[in-house]
Amino acid sequence: MRDANLAVQLGQVDAVVYLVDAYDKERFAESKKELDALLSDESLGNVPFLILGNKIDIPYAASEDELRYHMGLSGVTTARGR
């Protein structure tokens, strides 16, 4: 993620698509740390983010609400009018 500054300076970033493996709950903390780093990067301040949960349909995977909670996105997202 350290190359985000360079990409933004070169005008190459139109959006960030961040994918979280909903089944790999053991890595949620690591994923949140990386997401937080991106969200706090000033060079990405005007770049829209799309955060997706992959494998959410697999039994025992985190639900959408669980992903929101673990990624620290409860109450700050715009999807589905939430």
N, C-alpha and C. Protein backbone atom coordinates (compact mmCIF):
# COMPACT_ATOMS: atom_id res chain seq x y z
N MET A 1 0.81 -1.19 0.00
CA MET A 1 0.00 0.00 0.00
C MET A 1 0.86 1.26 0.00
N ARG A 2 2.15 1.11 0.13
CA ARG A 2 3.01 2.27 0.18
C ARG A 2 3.11 2.99 -1.16
N ASP A 3 2.68 2.35 -2.24
CA ASP A 3 2.74 2.97 -3.56
C ASP A 3 1.50 3.82 -3.85
N ALA A 4 0.59 3.93 -2.92
CA ALA A 4 -0.63 4.70 -3.14
C ALA A 4 -0.31 6.16 -3.44
N ASN A 5 0.63 6.75 -2.72
CA ASN A 5 1.01 8.14 -2.95
C ASN A 5 1.48 8.37 -4.37
N LEU A 6 2.36 7.53 -4.86
CA LEU A 6 2.90 7.68 -6.21
C LEU A 6 1.80 7.55 -7.25
N ALA A 7 0.93 6.58 -7.08
CA ALA A 7 -0.15 6.38 -8.05
C ALA A 7 -1.08 7.59 -8.10
N VAL A 8 -1.38 8.16 -6.93
CA VAL A 8 -2.26 9.34 -6.89
C VAL A 8 -1.55 10.53 -7.53
N GLN A 9 -0.27 10.71 -7.25
CA GLN A 9 0.48 11.82 -7.83
C GLN A 9 0.52 11.73 -9.35
N LEU A 10 0.55 10.54 -9.87
CA LEU A 10 0.58 10.34 -11.31
C LEU A 10 -0.81 10.35 -11.93
N GLY A 11 -1.83 10.52 -11.10
CA GLY A 11 -3.20 10.59 -11.60
C GLY A 11 -3.75 9.25 -12.04
N GLN A 12 -3.29 8.18 -11.43
CA GLN A 12 -3.68 6.84 -11.84
C GLN A 12 -4.77 6.22 -10.99
N VAL A 13 -5.20 6.86 -9.94
CA VAL A 13 -6.18 6.26 -9.04
C VAL A 13 -7.52 6.96 -9.19
N ASP A 14 -8.48 6.23 -9.74
CA ASP A 14 -9.84 6.76 -9.86
C ASP A 14 -10.72 6.27 -8.72
N ALA A 15 -10.38 5.11 -8.16
CA ALA A 15 -11.15 4.52 -7.06
C ALA A 15 -10.32 3.40 -6.44
N VAL A 16 -10.70 3.02 -5.23
CA VAL A 16 -10.07 1.89 -4.56
C VAL A 16 -11.15 0.84 -4.32
N VAL A 17 -10.89 -0.37 -4.78
CA VAL A 17 -11.77 -1.51 -4.51
C VAL A 17 -11.03 -2.38 -3.51
N TYR A 18 -11.58 -2.51 -2.31
CA TYR A 18 -10.95 -3.27 -1.23
C TYR A 18 -11.77 -4.52 -0.98
N LEU A 19 -11.16 -5.67 -1.13
CA LEU A 19 -11.86 -6.95 -1.02
C LEU A 19 -11.46 -7.64 0.28
N VAL A 20 -12.47 -8.04 1.06
CA VAL A 20 -12.24 -8.74 2.33
C VAL A 20 -12.79 -10.16 2.20
N ASP A 21 -11.98 -11.14 2.57
CA ASP A 21 -12.42 -12.54 2.56
C ASP A 21 -13.29 -12.77 3.79
N ALA A 22 -14.58 -12.88 3.60
CA ALA A 22 -15.53 -13.01 4.71
C ALA A 22 -15.39 -14.34 5.44
N TYR A 23 -14.76 -15.31 4.81
CA TYR A 23 -14.61 -16.62 5.43
C TYR A 23 -13.36 -16.69 6.32
N ASP A 24 -12.37 -15.87 6.05
CA ASP A 24 -11.10 -15.91 6.77
C ASP A 24 -11.12 -14.93 7.95
N LYS A 25 -11.91 -15.27 8.95
CA LYS A 25 -12.12 -14.38 10.10
C LYS A 25 -10.83 -14.12 10.88
N GLU A 26 -9.90 -15.06 10.83
CA GLU A 26 -8.65 -14.90 11.57
C GLU A 26 -7.81 -13.73 11.05
N ARG A 27 -8.07 -13.29 9.83
CA ARG A 27 -7.28 -12.21 9.24
C ARG A 27 -8.02 -10.87 9.22
N PHE A 28 -9.17 -10.80 9.89
CA PHE A 28 -9.93 -9.55 9.91
C PHE A 28 -9.11 -8.40 10.51
N ALA A 29 -8.38 -8.66 11.58
CA ALA A 29 -7.60 -7.59 12.22
C ALA A 29 -6.53 -7.06 11.26
N GLU A 30 -5.88 -7.96 10.56
CA GLU A 30 -4.87 -7.56 9.57
C GLU A 30 -5.51 -6.76 8.43
N SER A 31 -6.65 -7.23 7.97
CA SER A 31 -7.36 -6.55 6.89
C SER A 31 -7.81 -5.16 7.32
N LYS A 32 -8.31 -5.05 8.55
CA LYS A 32 -8.74 -3.74 9.06
C LYS A 32 -7.56 -2.78 9.16
N LYS A 33 -6.42 -3.29 9.59
CA LYS A 33 -5.22 -2.45 9.70
C LYS A 33 -4.84 -1.89 8.33
N GLU A 34 -4.86 -2.72 7.30
CA GLU A 34 -4.53 -2.27 5.95
C GLU A 34 -5.58 -1.27 5.43
N LEU A 35 -6.85 -1.57 5.68
CA LEU A 35 -7.91 -0.66 5.25
C LEU A 35 -7.78 0.69 5.95
N ASP A 36 -7.52 0.67 7.25
CA ASP A 36 -7.35 1.91 7.99
C ASP A 36 -6.19 2.74 7.43
N ALA A 37 -5.11 2.06 7.05
CA ALA A 37 -3.96 2.77 6.47
C ALA A 37 -4.36 3.45 5.16
N LEU A 38 -5.13 2.77 4.35
CA LEU A 38 -5.59 3.37 3.09
C LEU A 38 -6.54 4.53 3.35
N LEU A 39 -7.48 4.33 4.26
CA LEU A 39 -8.48 5.37 4.54
C LEU A 39 -7.86 6.61 5.17
N SER A 40 -6.73 6.46 5.85
CA SER A 40 -6.10 7.61 6.49
C SER A 40 -5.01 8.24 5.61
N ASP A 41 -4.77 7.67 4.44
CA ASP A 41 -3.77 8.21 3.52
C ASP A 41 -4.33 9.48 2.88
N GLU A 42 -3.71 10.61 3.18
CA GLU A 42 -4.21 11.90 2.69
C GLU A 42 -4.25 11.97 1.17
N SER A 43 -3.36 11.26 0.50
CA SER A 43 -3.34 11.31 -0.96
C SER A 43 -4.55 10.61 -1.57
N LEU A 44 -5.27 9.83 -0.76
CA LEU A 44 -6.48 9.15 -1.22
C LEU A 44 -7.75 9.82 -0.69
N GLY A 45 -7.60 11.00 -0.13
CA GLY A 45 -8.71 11.69 0.51
C GLY A 45 -9.90 11.95 -0.40
N ASN A 46 -9.67 12.14 -1.67
CA ASN A 46 -10.76 12.43 -2.61
C ASN A 46 -11.09 11.25 -3.51
N VAL A 47 -10.57 10.09 -3.16
CA VAL A 47 -10.77 8.88 -3.96
C VAL A 47 -11.89 8.05 -3.34
N PRO A 48 -12.89 7.66 -4.13
CA PRO A 48 -13.96 6.82 -3.57
C PRO A 48 -13.47 5.40 -3.27
N PHE A 49 -14.02 4.82 -2.22
CA PHE A 49 -13.69 3.45 -1.82
C PHE A 49 -14.92 2.57 -1.98
N LEU A 50 -14.70 1.38 -2.50
CA LEU A 50 -15.72 0.33 -2.55
C LEU A 50 -15.15 -0.84 -1.76
N ILE A 51 -15.83 -1.23 -0.70
CA ILE A 51 -15.35 -2.32 0.15
C ILE A 51 -16.31 -3.48 -0.01
N LEU A 52 -15.76 -4.60 -0.46
CA LEU A 52 -16.57 -5.78 -0.78
C LEU A 52 -16.21 -6.95 0.12
N GLY A 53 -17.22 -7.72 0.50
CA GLY A 53 -17.01 -8.97 1.23
C GLY A 53 -17.12 -10.14 0.26
N ASN A 54 -16.03 -10.86 0.09
CA ASN A 54 -15.99 -12.02 -0.79
C ASN A 54 -16.29 -13.29 0.01
N LYS A 55 -16.90 -14.27 -0.62
CA LYS A 55 -17.22 -15.57 -0.02
C LYS A 55 -18.28 -15.45 1.08
N ILE A 56 -19.07 -14.42 1.05
CA ILE A 56 -20.08 -14.18 2.08
C ILE A 56 -21.18 -15.24 2.04
N ASP A 57 -21.27 -15.96 0.92
CA ASP A 57 -22.30 -16.98 0.75
C ASP A 57 -21.89 -18.35 1.30
N ILE A 58 -20.65 -18.49 1.73
CA ILE A 58 -20.16 -19.77 2.26
C ILE A 58 -20.64 -19.93 3.71
N PRO A 59 -21.10 -21.13 4.08
CA PRO A 59 -21.51 -21.35 5.47
C PRO A 59 -20.38 -20.97 6.44
N TYR A 60 -20.75 -20.35 7.51
CA TYR A 60 -19.86 -19.91 8.59
C TYR A 60 -19.00 -18.70 8.23
N ALA A 61 -19.20 -18.13 7.05
CA ALA A 61 -18.52 -16.88 6.71
C ALA A 61 -19.20 -15.74 7.46
N ALA A 62 -18.49 -14.65 7.62
CA ALA A 62 -19.06 -13.49 8.30
C ALA A 62 -20.20 -12.91 7.47
N SER A 63 -21.20 -12.42 8.15
CA SER A 63 -22.32 -11.75 7.48
C SER A 63 -21.89 -10.33 7.11
N GLU A 64 -22.73 -9.66 6.36
CA GLU A 64 -22.45 -8.26 6.01
C GLU A 64 -22.31 -7.41 7.27
N ASP A 65 -23.20 -7.61 8.22
CA ASP A 65 -23.13 -6.83 9.46
C ASP A 65 -21.85 -7.13 10.25
N GLU A 66 -21.44 -8.41 10.28
CA GLU A 66 -20.20 -8.76 10.97
C GLU A 66 -19.00 -8.11 10.29
N LEU A 67 -18.98 -8.11 8.97
CA LEU A 67 -17.89 -7.46 8.25
C LEU A 67 -17.84 -5.96 8.56
N ARG A 68 -18.99 -5.32 8.56
CA ARG A 68 -19.05 -3.90 8.89
C ARG A 68 -18.45 -3.66 10.28
N TYR A 69 -18.84 -4.50 11.24
CA TYR A 69 -18.36 -4.35 12.61
C TYR A 69 -16.84 -4.52 12.67
N HIS A 70 -16.33 -5.61 12.13
CA HIS A 70 -14.90 -5.92 12.23
C HIS A 70 -14.02 -4.96 11.43
N MET A 71 -14.56 -4.38 10.38
CA MET A 71 -13.80 -3.41 9.59
C MET A 71 -13.99 -1.98 10.10
N GLY A 72 -14.80 -1.83 11.15
CA GLY A 72 -15.03 -0.51 11.73
C GLY A 72 -15.86 0.40 10.85
N LEU A 73 -16.79 -0.20 10.10
CA LEU A 73 -17.59 0.57 9.15
C LEU A 73 -19.05 0.73 9.55
N SER A 74 -19.42 0.26 10.71
CA SER A 74 -20.81 0.40 11.15
C SER A 74 -21.16 1.87 11.27
N GLY A 75 -22.23 2.27 10.59
CA GLY A 75 -22.69 3.64 10.68
C GLY A 75 -21.98 4.64 9.79
N VAL A 76 -20.98 4.19 9.02
CA VAL A 76 -20.26 5.14 8.16
C VAL A 76 -20.36 4.79 6.68
N THR A 77 -21.08 3.75 6.35
CA THR A 77 -21.19 3.36 4.95
C THR A 77 -22.45 3.94 4.33
N THR A 78 -22.49 3.91 3.01
CA THR A 78 -23.63 4.46 2.29
C THR A 78 -24.44 3.40 1.56
N ALA A 79 -24.03 2.17 1.60
CA ALA A 79 -24.72 1.10 0.87
C ALA A 79 -26.12 0.88 1.43
N ARG A 80 -27.05 0.66 0.53
CA ARG A 80 -28.43 0.33 0.89
C ARG A 80 -29.05 1.33 1.86
N GLY A 81 -28.61 2.56 1.78
CA GLY A 81 -29.21 3.60 2.63
C GLY A 81 -28.85 3.52 4.08
N ARG A 82 -27.87 2.71 4.45
CA ARG A 82 -27.49 2.57 5.86
C ARG A 82 -26.59 3.70 6.29
